[in-house]
Amino acid sequence: MRSFGLVLTILLLTAAPAAAQQSGTGYVSPATPAADPQALDRYLLRWEQEMQKVQTLSAQLTRTDRDYSFDTTQKFTGYAQYMKAGTGTSSLNLAALELHPEGKAEIAEKFICTGTYLYQIRPDQKEIKAFELPRPQPGQVADDNFLSFLFGMRAEEARRRYDLKLVKEDQYYIYVMISPRFPGDRADFQEARIVLNRDNFLPRQLWFRHPNKNEVTWDIPRIESGVRLDRSAFDAPRTPPGWKLVPVARPAAPTPRVIRPNQPNP
């Protein structure tokens, strides 16, 4: 399931110690030159260090989906929670995401990541899909999706796997364009942009353009890290009466792929 990468990305990339500033997040063309392109290496190293510090987080989210084929725009609001359980090579990334159509109470999407499985809860179809997550190699994070870029990938590996360009800096944010180098990643997204908070080098916004030209933007207006979370919130969901649990087999030889980042609002 390629879309689960997108979900995990927003769950695991948004750790920030305080609410981020709201200004300075307008869309930037990839052609916009950066004032100091060589600064990107320093920023990547700082980003790597900051992401490794995250243990728990709670975030309020907004997602905007732009479909150019049907000329439609959908907006969703909700929350994400994240917890790192365990230490070293035995650590697990636990996450939960819930989104609602803007202005409505019903659940549009809900995901729970137990560290070994990702569960997609579909109220409209009364089913729960269970996706087994790939096991990373010793000393590495799973690179099945864009999560690995945002939460755990070393700066050197990010450079190898993606074409990264520092396109803009201002007093609040650092803007980096991301292009996939490998076919498996290009099947998930055409290009992406991440906006990092300048004060803590943690993500503020993600924008993605998919191969079909449609775009998605994740906006993170409020984030708290180091919060106390209930471990049971990340347990595998129970199947309600009248629902069905649908196990989804993992491909025998998956190609590395990146999560579909959500596009920042133009």
C-alpha atoms as a PDB file:
ATOM      1  CA  MET A   1       0.000   0.000   0.000  1.00  0.00           C
ATOM      2  CA  ARG A   2       1.849   3.038  -1.239  1.00  0.00           C
ATOM      3  CA  SER A   3      -0.354   5.586   0.477  1.00  0.00           C
ATOM      4  CA  PHE A   4       0.573   4.457   3.973  1.00  0.00           C
ATOM      5  CA  GLY A   5       3.942   6.104   3.543  1.00  0.00           C
ATOM      6  CA  LEU A   6       2.258   9.439   3.274  1.00  0.00           C
ATOM      7  CA  VAL A   7       0.408   8.839   6.489  1.00  0.00           C
ATOM      8  CA  LEU A   8       3.503   7.795   8.389  1.00  0.00           C
ATOM      9  CA  THR A   9       5.374  10.767   7.053  1.00  0.00           C
ATOM     10  CA  ILE A  10       3.055  13.282   8.576  1.00  0.00           C
ATOM     11  CA  LEU A  11       2.912  11.337  11.812  1.00  0.00           C
ATOM     12  CA  LEU A  12       6.638  11.128  12.260  1.00  0.00           C
ATOM     13  CA  LEU A  13       7.934  14.292  10.704  1.00  0.00           C
ATOM     14  CA  THR A  14       6.058  16.892  12.670  1.00  0.00           C
ATOM     15  CA  ALA A  15       7.777  16.823  16.031  1.00  0.00           C
ATOM     16  CA  ALA A  16       8.404  20.370  17.234  1.00  0.00           C
ATOM     17  CA  PRO A  17       8.775  21.655  20.793  1.00  0.00           C
ATOM     18  CA  ALA A  18       6.319  24.504  20.304  1.00  0.00           C
ATOM     19  CA  ALA A  19       3.763  25.875  17.887  1.00  0.00           C
ATOM     20  CA  ALA A  20       5.436  27.030  14.684  1.00  0.00           C
ATOM     21  CA  GLN A  21       5.124  30.502  13.240  1.00  0.00           C
ATOM     22  CA  GLN A  22       2.451  30.913  10.595  1.00  0.00           C
ATOM     23  CA  SER A  23       4.147  33.265   8.139  1.00  0.00           C
ATOM     24  CA  GLY A  24       6.615  32.485   5.409  1.00  0.00           C
ATOM     25  CA  THR A  25       5.140  29.219   4.102  1.00  0.00           C
ATOM     26  CA  GLY A  26       3.978  30.296   0.661  1.00  0.00           C
ATOM     27  CA  TYR A  27       4.820  28.036  -2.263  1.00  0.00           C
ATOM     28  CA  VAL A  28       8.279  28.509  -3.746  1.00  0.00           C
ATOM     29  CA  SER A  29       9.121  27.524  -7.305  1.00  0.00           C
ATOM     30  CA  PRO A  30      11.906  24.936  -7.605  1.00  0.00           C
ATOM     31  CA  ALA A  31      13.628  27.387  -9.934  1.00  0.00           C
ATOM     32  CA  THR A  32      14.028  29.972  -7.169  1.00  0.00           C
ATOM     33  CA  PRO A  33      17.774  30.177  -6.382  1.00  0.00           C
ATOM     34  CA  ALA A  34      18.940  29.779  -2.795  1.00  0.00           C
ATOM     35  CA  ALA A  35      21.133  32.429  -1.213  1.00  0.00           C
ATOM     36  CA  ASP A  36      23.676  29.839  -0.040  1.00  0.00           C
ATOM     37  CA  PRO A  37      23.299  26.392  -1.636  1.00  0.00           C
ATOM     38  CA  GLN A  38      26.287  25.001   0.302  1.00  0.00           C
ATOM     39  CA  ALA A  39      24.380  25.569   3.524  1.00  0.00           C
ATOM     40  CA  LEU A  40      22.180  22.591   2.703  1.00  0.00           C
ATOM     41  CA  ASP A  41      24.750  20.096   3.980  1.00  0.00           C
ATOM     42  CA  ARG A  42      24.880  21.857   7.333  1.00  0.00           C
ATOM     43  CA  TYR A  43      21.091  21.952   7.508  1.00  0.00           C
ATOM     44  CA  LEU A  44      20.791  18.244   6.698  1.00  0.00           C
ATOM     45  CA  LEU A  45      23.155  17.324   9.502  1.00  0.00           C
ATOM     46  CA  ARG A  46      21.266  19.509  11.972  1.00  0.00           C
ATOM     47  CA  TRP A  47      17.966  18.055  10.782  1.00  0.00           C
ATOM     48  CA  GLU A  48      19.288  14.531  11.317  1.00  0.00           C
ATOM     49  CA  GLN A  49      20.328  15.379  14.876  1.00  0.00           C
ATOM     50  CA  GLU A  50      17.041  17.032  15.797  1.00  0.00           C
ATOM     51  CA  MET A  51      14.863  14.233  14.430  1.00  0.00           C
ATOM     52  CA  GLN A  52      16.741  11.657  16.496  1.00  0.00           C
ATOM     53  CA  LYS A  53      15.739  13.476  19.692  1.00  0.00           C
ATOM     54  CA  VAL A  54      11.995  13.025  19.208  1.00  0.00           C
ATOM     55  CA  GLN A  55      10.341  10.609  21.664  1.00  0.00           C
ATOM     56  CA  THR A  56       6.663  11.634  21.635  1.00  0.00           C
ATOM     57  CA  LEU A  57       4.545  14.223  19.913  1.00  0.00           C
ATOM     58  CA  SER A  58       0.979  15.376  19.454  1.00  0.00           C
ATOM     59  CA  ALA A  59       0.019  17.532  16.492  1.00  0.00           C
ATOM     60  CA  GLN A  60      -2.979  19.225  14.934  1.00  0.00           C
ATOM     61  CA  LEU A  61      -3.026  18.785  11.157  1.00  0.00           C
ATOM     62  CA  THR A  62      -4.649  20.115   8.038  1.00  0.00           C
ATOM     63  CA  ARG A  63      -4.455  18.273   4.727  1.00  0.00           C
ATOM     64  CA  THR A  64      -5.419  19.757   1.373  1.00  0.00           C
ATOM     65  CA  ASP A  65      -5.886  17.472  -1.650  1.00  0.00           C
ATOM     66  CA  ARG A  66      -5.863  19.115  -5.088  1.00  0.00           C
ATOM     67  CA  ASP A  67      -7.183  16.983  -7.962  1.00  0.00           C
ATOM     68  CA  TYR A  68      -6.510  18.659 -11.295  1.00  0.00           C
ATOM     69  CA  SER A  69      -8.261  15.967 -13.343  1.00  0.00           C
ATOM     70  CA  PHE A  70     -11.619  16.815 -11.761  1.00  0.00           C
ATOM     71  CA  ASP A  71     -10.703  20.360 -10.709  1.00  0.00           C
ATOM     72  CA  THR A  72     -11.586  19.676  -7.078  1.00  0.00           C
ATOM     73  CA  THR A  73     -10.059  20.558  -3.729  1.00  0.00           C
ATOM     74  CA  GLN A  74     -10.738  18.688  -0.492  1.00  0.00           C
ATOM     75  CA  LYS A  75      -9.668  19.744   2.978  1.00  0.00           C
ATOM     76  CA  PHE A  76      -9.353  17.619   6.088  1.00  0.00           C
ATOM     77  CA  THR A  77      -8.498  18.415   9.691  1.00  0.00           C
ATOM     78  CA  GLY A  78      -7.443  16.150  12.518  1.00  0.00           C
ATOM     79  CA  TYR A  79      -4.638  15.066  14.773  1.00  0.00           C
ATOM     80  CA  ALA A  80      -1.566  12.859  14.838  1.00  0.00           C
ATOM     81  CA  GLN A  81       0.279  11.226  17.724  1.00  0.00           C
ATOM     82  CA  TYR A  82       3.676   9.596  17.770  1.00  0.00           C
ATOM     83  CA  MET A  83       5.685   7.569  20.281  1.00  0.00           C
ATOM     84  CA  LYS A  84       9.081   5.939  20.014  1.00  0.00           C
ATOM     85  CA  ALA A  85       9.011   2.679  21.973  1.00  0.00           C
ATOM     86  CA  GLY A  86      12.113   0.768  22.979  1.00  0.00           C
ATOM     87  CA  THR A  87      15.738   1.574  22.255  1.00  0.00           C
ATOM     88  CA  GLY A  88      18.406   0.790  19.695  1.00  0.00           C
ATOM     89  CA  THR A  89      17.663  -1.687  16.931  1.00  0.00           C
ATOM     90  CA  SER A  90      14.596  -2.956  18.813  1.00  0.00           C
ATOM     91  CA  SER A  91      12.868   0.440  18.880  1.00  0.00           C
ATOM     92  CA  LEU A  92       9.472   0.839  17.237  1.00  0.00           C
ATOM     93  CA  ASN A  93       7.798   3.877  15.697  1.00  0.00           C
ATOM     94  CA  LEU A  94       4.196   3.998  16.964  1.00  0.00           C
ATOM     95  CA  ALA A  95       1.733   6.385  15.368  1.00  0.00           C
ATOM     96  CA  ALA A  96      -1.936   7.265  15.047  1.00  0.00           C
ATOM     97  CA  LEU A  97      -3.665   9.587  12.622  1.00  0.00           C
ATOM     98  CA  GLU A  98      -7.314  10.649  12.397  1.00  0.00           C
ATOM     99  CA  LEU A  99      -8.766  13.018   9.804  1.00  0.00           C
ATOM    100  CA  HIS A 100     -12.228  14.501   9.332  1.00  0.00           C
ATOM    101  CA  PRO A 101     -13.687  16.393   6.366  1.00  0.00           C
ATOM    102  CA  GLU A 102     -13.371  20.078   7.160  1.00  0.00           C
ATOM    103  CA  GLY A 103     -16.309  21.190   9.310  1.00  0.00           C
ATOM    104  CA  LYS A 104     -17.676  17.655   9.800  1.00  0.00           C
ATOM    105  CA  ALA A 105     -17.569  15.218  12.693  1.00  0.00           C
ATOM    106  CA  GLU A 106     -17.400  11.889  10.866  1.00  0.00           C
ATOM    107  CA  ILE A 107     -14.061  10.154  10.422  1.00  0.00           C
ATOM    108  CA  ALA A 108     -12.740  10.234   6.858  1.00  0.00           C
ATOM    109  CA  GLU A 109      -9.474   8.378   7.472  1.00  0.00           C
ATOM    110  CA  LYS A 110      -7.858   6.727  10.460  1.00  0.00           C
ATOM    111  CA  PHE A 111      -4.562   4.891  10.688  1.00  0.00           C
ATOM    112  CA  ILE A 112      -2.786   3.148  13.540  1.00  0.00           C
ATOM    113  CA  CYS A 113       0.841   2.043  13.285  1.00  0.00           C
ATOM    114  CA  THR A 114       1.910  -0.545  15.878  1.00  0.00           C
ATOM    115  CA  GLY A 115       5.500  -0.552  14.667  1.00  0.00           C
ATOM    116  CA  THR A 116       5.079  -3.870  12.886  1.00  0.00           C
ATOM    117  CA  TYR A 117       1.688  -3.356  11.210  1.00  0.00           C
ATOM    118  CA  LEU A 118      -0.164  -0.409   9.769  1.00  0.00           C
ATOM    119  CA  TYR A 119      -3.959  -0.545  10.118  1.00  0.00           C
ATOM    120  CA  GLN A 120      -6.175   1.476   7.802  1.00  0.00           C
ATOM    121  CA  ILE A 121      -9.627   1.920   9.311  1.00  0.00           C
ATOM    122  CA  ARG A 122     -12.363   2.552   6.731  1.00  0.00           C
ATOM    123  CA  PRO A 123     -15.706   3.452   8.383  1.00  0.00           C
ATOM    124  CA  ASP A 124     -17.382   3.954   4.988  1.00  0.00           C
ATOM    125  CA  GLN A 125     -16.631   0.335   4.046  1.00  0.00           C
ATOM    126  CA  LYS A 126     -16.742  -1.146   7.555  1.00  0.00           C
ATOM    127  CA  GLU A 127     -13.361  -2.754   7.143  1.00  0.00           C
ATOM    128  CA  ILE A 128      -9.866  -2.616   8.610  1.00  0.00           C
ATOM    129  CA  LYS A 129      -6.914  -3.306   6.333  1.00  0.00           C
ATOM    130  CA  ALA A 130      -3.735  -4.631   7.950  1.00  0.00           C
ATOM    131  CA  PHE A 131      -0.419  -3.985   6.185  1.00  0.00           C
ATOM    132  CA  GLU A 132       2.709  -5.696   7.469  1.00  0.00           C
ATOM    133  CA  LEU A 133       5.579  -3.229   7.662  1.00  0.00           C
ATOM    134  CA  PRO A 134       8.971  -4.286   6.295  1.00  0.00           C
ATOM    135  CA  ARG A 135      11.707  -5.034   8.784  1.00  0.00           C
ATOM    136  CA  PRO A 136      14.747  -2.767   8.417  1.00  0.00           C
ATOM    137  CA  GLN A 137      18.260  -4.117   8.107  1.00  0.00           C
ATOM    138  CA  PRO A 138      20.353  -4.005  11.313  1.00  0.00           C
ATOM    139  CA  GLY A 139      21.298  -0.420  12.092  1.00  0.00           C
ATOM    140  CA  GLN A 140      18.922   1.018   9.491  1.00  0.00           C
ATOM    141  CA  VAL A 141      15.377   2.351   9.408  1.00  0.00           C
ATOM    142  CA  ALA A 142      12.832   0.853   7.048  1.00  0.00           C
ATOM    143  CA  ASP A 143      13.101   2.574   3.682  1.00  0.00           C
ATOM    144  CA  ASP A 144       9.748   1.425   2.371  1.00  0.00           C
ATOM    145  CA  ASN A 145       8.467   4.965   2.378  1.00  0.00           C
ATOM    146  CA  PHE A 146       9.210   8.659   2.805  1.00  0.00           C
ATOM    147  CA  LEU A 147       9.115   8.241   6.566  1.00  0.00           C
ATOM    148  CA  SER A 148      12.719   7.078   6.420  1.00  0.00           C
ATOM    149  CA  PHE A 149      13.768  10.365   4.860  1.00  0.00           C
ATOM    150  CA  LEU A 150      12.044  12.466   7.477  1.00  0.00           C
ATOM    151  CA  PHE A 151      12.630  10.390  10.558  1.00  0.00           C
ATOM    152  CA  GLY A 152      15.795   8.375  10.843  1.00  0.00           C
ATOM    153  CA  MET A 153      17.636   8.540   7.529  1.00  0.00           C
ATOM    154  CA  ARG A 154      21.162   9.859   7.720  1.00  0.00           C
ATOM    155  CA  ALA A 155      21.968  13.024   5.832  1.00  0.00           C
ATOM    156  CA  GLU A 156      24.435  11.140   3.637  1.00  0.00           C
ATOM    157  CA  GLU A 157      21.814   8.559   2.684  1.00  0.00           C
ATOM    158  CA  ALA A 158      19.254  11.271   1.956  1.00  0.00           C
ATOM    159  CA  ARG A 159      21.707  12.830  -0.487  1.00  0.00           C
ATOM    160  CA  ARG A 160      22.226   9.472  -2.194  1.00  0.00           C
ATOM    161  CA  ARG A 161      18.563   8.635  -2.552  1.00  0.00           C
ATOM    162  CA  TYR A 162      17.114  12.049  -3.407  1.00  0.00           C
ATOM    163  CA  ASP A 163      18.103  15.128  -5.333  1.00  0.00           C
ATOM    164  CA  LEU A 164      17.851  17.863  -2.691  1.00  0.00           C
ATOM    165  CA  LYS A 165      17.930  21.592  -3.425  1.00  0.00           C
ATOM    166  CA  LEU A 166      17.868  24.473  -0.992  1.00  0.00           C
ATOM    167  CA  VAL A 167      15.525  26.863  -2.777  1.00  0.00           C
ATOM    168  CA  LYS A 168      14.869  29.555  -0.201  1.00  0.00           C
ATOM    169  CA  GLU A 169      15.629  30.773   3.305  1.00  0.00           C
ATOM    170  CA  ASP A 170      13.880  33.426   5.350  1.00  0.00           C
ATOM    171  CA  GLN A 171      13.808  34.454   9.001  1.00  0.00           C
ATOM    172  CA  TYR A 172      11.387  31.660   9.899  1.00  0.00           C
ATOM    173  CA  TYR A 173      11.903  28.746   7.538  1.00  0.00           C
ATOM    174  CA  ILE A 174      14.207  26.722   5.311  1.00  0.00           C
ATOM    175  CA  TYR A 175      12.714  25.422   2.050  1.00  0.00           C
ATOM    176  CA  VAL A 176      14.086  22.247   0.443  1.00  0.00           C
ATOM    177  CA  MET A 177      12.872  20.697  -2.820  1.00  0.00           C
ATOM    178  CA  ILE A 178      13.067  16.912  -3.102  1.00  0.00           C
ATOM    179  CA  SER A 179      13.218  14.887  -6.321  1.00  0.00           C
ATOM    180  CA  PRO A 180      13.374  11.070  -6.376  1.00  0.00           C
ATOM    181  CA  ARG A 181      16.362   9.390  -8.017  1.00  0.00           C
ATOM    182  CA  PHE A 182      15.043   5.819  -8.196  1.00  0.00           C
ATOM    183  CA  PRO A 183      12.100   4.330 -10.139  1.00  0.00           C
ATOM    184  CA  GLY A 184      10.318   3.000  -7.059  1.00  0.00           C
ATOM    185  CA  ASP A 185      10.280   6.456  -5.484  1.00  0.00           C
ATOM    186  CA  ARG A 186       9.291   8.165  -8.734  1.00  0.00           C
ATOM    187  CA  ALA A 187       6.226   5.918  -8.847  1.00  0.00           C
ATOM    188  CA  ASP A 188       5.074   7.560  -5.603  1.00  0.00           C
ATOM    189  CA  PHE A 189       5.832  11.215  -6.229  1.00  0.00           C
ATOM    190  CA  GLN A 190       7.242  13.517  -8.879  1.00  0.00           C
ATOM    191  CA  GLU A 191       8.611  16.175  -6.573  1.00  0.00           C
ATOM    192  CA  ALA A 192       8.151  17.370  -3.020  1.00  0.00           C
ATOM    193  CA  ARG A 193       9.004  20.268  -0.788  1.00  0.00           C
ATOM    194  CA  ILE A 194       9.646  20.287   2.927  1.00  0.00           C
ATOM    195  CA  VAL A 195       9.609  23.465   4.999  1.00  0.00           C
ATOM    196  CA  LEU A 196      11.698  23.310   8.172  1.00  0.00           C
ATOM    197  CA  ASN A 197      11.440  25.610  11.159  1.00  0.00           C
ATOM    198  CA  ARG A 198      14.620  27.599  11.288  1.00  0.00           C
ATOM    199  CA  ASP A 199      14.800  27.617  15.089  1.00  0.00           C
ATOM    200  CA  ASN A 200      14.574  23.843  15.612  1.00  0.00           C
ATOM    201  CA  PHE A 201      14.992  22.300  12.107  1.00  0.00           C
ATOM    202  CA  LEU A 202      11.791  20.318  12.435  1.00  0.00           C
ATOM    203  CA  PRO A 203       9.094  20.190   9.752  1.00  0.00           C
ATOM    204  CA  ARG A 204       6.371  22.805   9.457  1.00  0.00           C
ATOM    205  CA  GLN A 205       4.832  21.831   6.117  1.00  0.00           C
ATOM    206  CA  LEU A 206       5.028  19.196   3.381  1.00  0.00           C
ATOM    207  CA  TRP A 207       3.970  19.496  -0.235  1.00  0.00           C
ATOM    208  CA  PHE A 208       3.941  16.742  -2.854  1.00  0.00           C
ATOM    209  CA  ARG A 209       3.185  16.487  -6.541  1.00  0.00           C
ATOM    210  CA  HIS A 210       2.287  12.985  -7.662  1.00  0.00           C
ATOM    211  CA  PRO A 211       2.999  11.486 -11.116  1.00  0.00           C
ATOM    212  CA  ASN A 212      -0.583  12.274 -12.171  1.00  0.00           C
ATOM    213  CA  LYS A 213       0.109  15.971 -11.327  1.00  0.00           C
ATOM    214  CA  ASN A 214      -2.283  16.005  -8.369  1.00  0.00           C
ATOM    215  CA  GLU A 215      -0.959  17.668  -5.221  1.00  0.00           C
ATOM    216  CA  VAL A 216      -1.265  17.220  -1.472  1.00  0.00           C
ATOM    217  CA  THR A 217      -0.308  19.616   1.302  1.00  0.00           C
ATOM    218  CA  TRP A 218       0.142  18.787   4.959  1.00  0.00           C
ATOM    219  CA  ASP A 219       0.094  21.836   7.217  1.00  0.00           C
ATOM    220  CA  ILE A 220       1.053  21.582  10.889  1.00  0.00           C
ATOM    221  CA  PRO A 221      -0.217  24.670  12.741  1.00  0.00           C
ATOM    222  CA  ARG A 222       0.302  23.256  16.241  1.00  0.00           C
ATOM    223  CA  ILE A 223       2.698  20.656  17.605  1.00  0.00           C
ATOM    224  CA  GLU A 224       3.819  19.568  21.059  1.00  0.00           C
ATOM    225  CA  SER A 225       6.700  17.218  21.719  1.00  0.00           C
ATOM    226  CA  GLY A 226       7.615  15.436  24.921  1.00  0.00           C
ATOM    227  CA  VAL A 227       3.942  14.991  25.777  1.00  0.00           C
ATOM    228  CA  ARG A 228       2.566  12.095  27.825  1.00  0.00           C
ATOM    229  CA  LEU A 229       0.676   9.646  25.617  1.00  0.00           C
ATOM    230  CA  ASP A 230      -1.283   6.494  26.348  1.00  0.00           C
ATOM    231  CA  ARG A 231       0.641   3.504  24.961  1.00  0.00           C
ATOM    232  CA  SER A 232      -2.625   1.654  24.338  1.00  0.00           C
ATOM    233  CA  ALA A 233      -3.603   4.276  21.726  1.00  0.00           C
ATOM    234  CA  PHE A 234      -1.198   2.495  19.375  1.00  0.00           C
ATOM    235  CA  ASP A 235      -2.485  -1.038  19.916  1.00  0.00           C
ATOM    236  CA  ALA A 236      -3.961  -2.970  17.012  1.00  0.00           C
ATOM    237  CA  PRO A 237      -7.638  -2.007  16.632  1.00  0.00           C
ATOM    238  CA  ARG A 238     -10.389  -4.465  17.432  1.00  0.00           C
ATOM    239  CA  THR A 239     -12.742  -5.390  14.606  1.00  0.00           C
ATOM    240  CA  PRO A 240     -16.258  -4.121  15.454  1.00  0.00           C
ATOM    241  CA  PRO A 241     -19.283  -6.382  14.898  1.00  0.00           C
ATOM    242  CA  GLY A 242     -20.323  -6.328  11.261  1.00  0.00           C
ATOM    243  CA  TRP A 243     -16.871  -5.198  10.097  1.00  0.00           C
ATOM    244  CA  LYS A 244     -14.156  -7.298   8.453  1.00  0.00           C
ATOM    245  CA  LEU A 245     -10.393  -7.442   8.917  1.00  0.00           C
ATOM    246  CA  VAL A 246      -8.521  -7.612   5.600  1.00  0.00           C
ATOM    247  CA  PRO A 247      -4.847  -8.708   5.808  1.00  0.00           C
ATOM    248  CA  VAL A 248      -2.810  -7.311   2.911  1.00  0.00           C
ATOM    249  CA  ALA A 249       0.202  -9.382   1.891  1.00  0.00           C
ATOM    250  CA  ARG A 250       3.502  -7.601   1.548  1.00  0.00           C
ATOM    251  CA  PRO A 251       5.095  -7.796  -1.936  1.00  0.00           C
ATOM    252  CA  ALA A 252       7.839 -10.390  -2.118  1.00  0.00           C
ATOM    253  CA  ALA A 253      10.449  -7.928  -3.357  1.00  0.00           C
ATOM    254  CA  PRO A 254       9.312  -4.366  -2.720  1.00  0.00           C
ATOM    255  CA  THR A 255      11.245  -1.568  -4.343  1.00  0.00           C
ATOM    256  CA  PRO A 256      12.279   1.331  -2.103  1.00  0.00           C
ATOM    257  CA  ARG A 257       9.719   4.068  -2.328  1.00  0.00           C
ATOM    258  CA  VAL A 258       8.989   7.388  -0.740  1.00  0.00           C
ATOM    259  CA  ILE A 259       5.863   8.413   0.971  1.00  0.00           C
ATOM    260  CA  ARG A 260       3.712  10.802  -0.916  1.00  0.00           C
ATOM    261  CA  PRO A 261       4.319  14.086   0.779  1.00  0.00           C
ATOM    262  CA  ASN A 262       1.504  16.482   0.992  1.00  0.00           C
ATOM    263  CA  GLN A 263       1.935  19.673  -0.834  1.00  0.00           C
ATOM    264  CA  PRO A 264       2.220  23.007   0.908  1.00  0.00           C
ATOM    265  CA  ASN A 265      -0.502  25.487   0.149  1.00  0.00           C
ATOM    266  CA  PRO A 266       0.401  27.737  -2.767  1.00  0.00           C
END
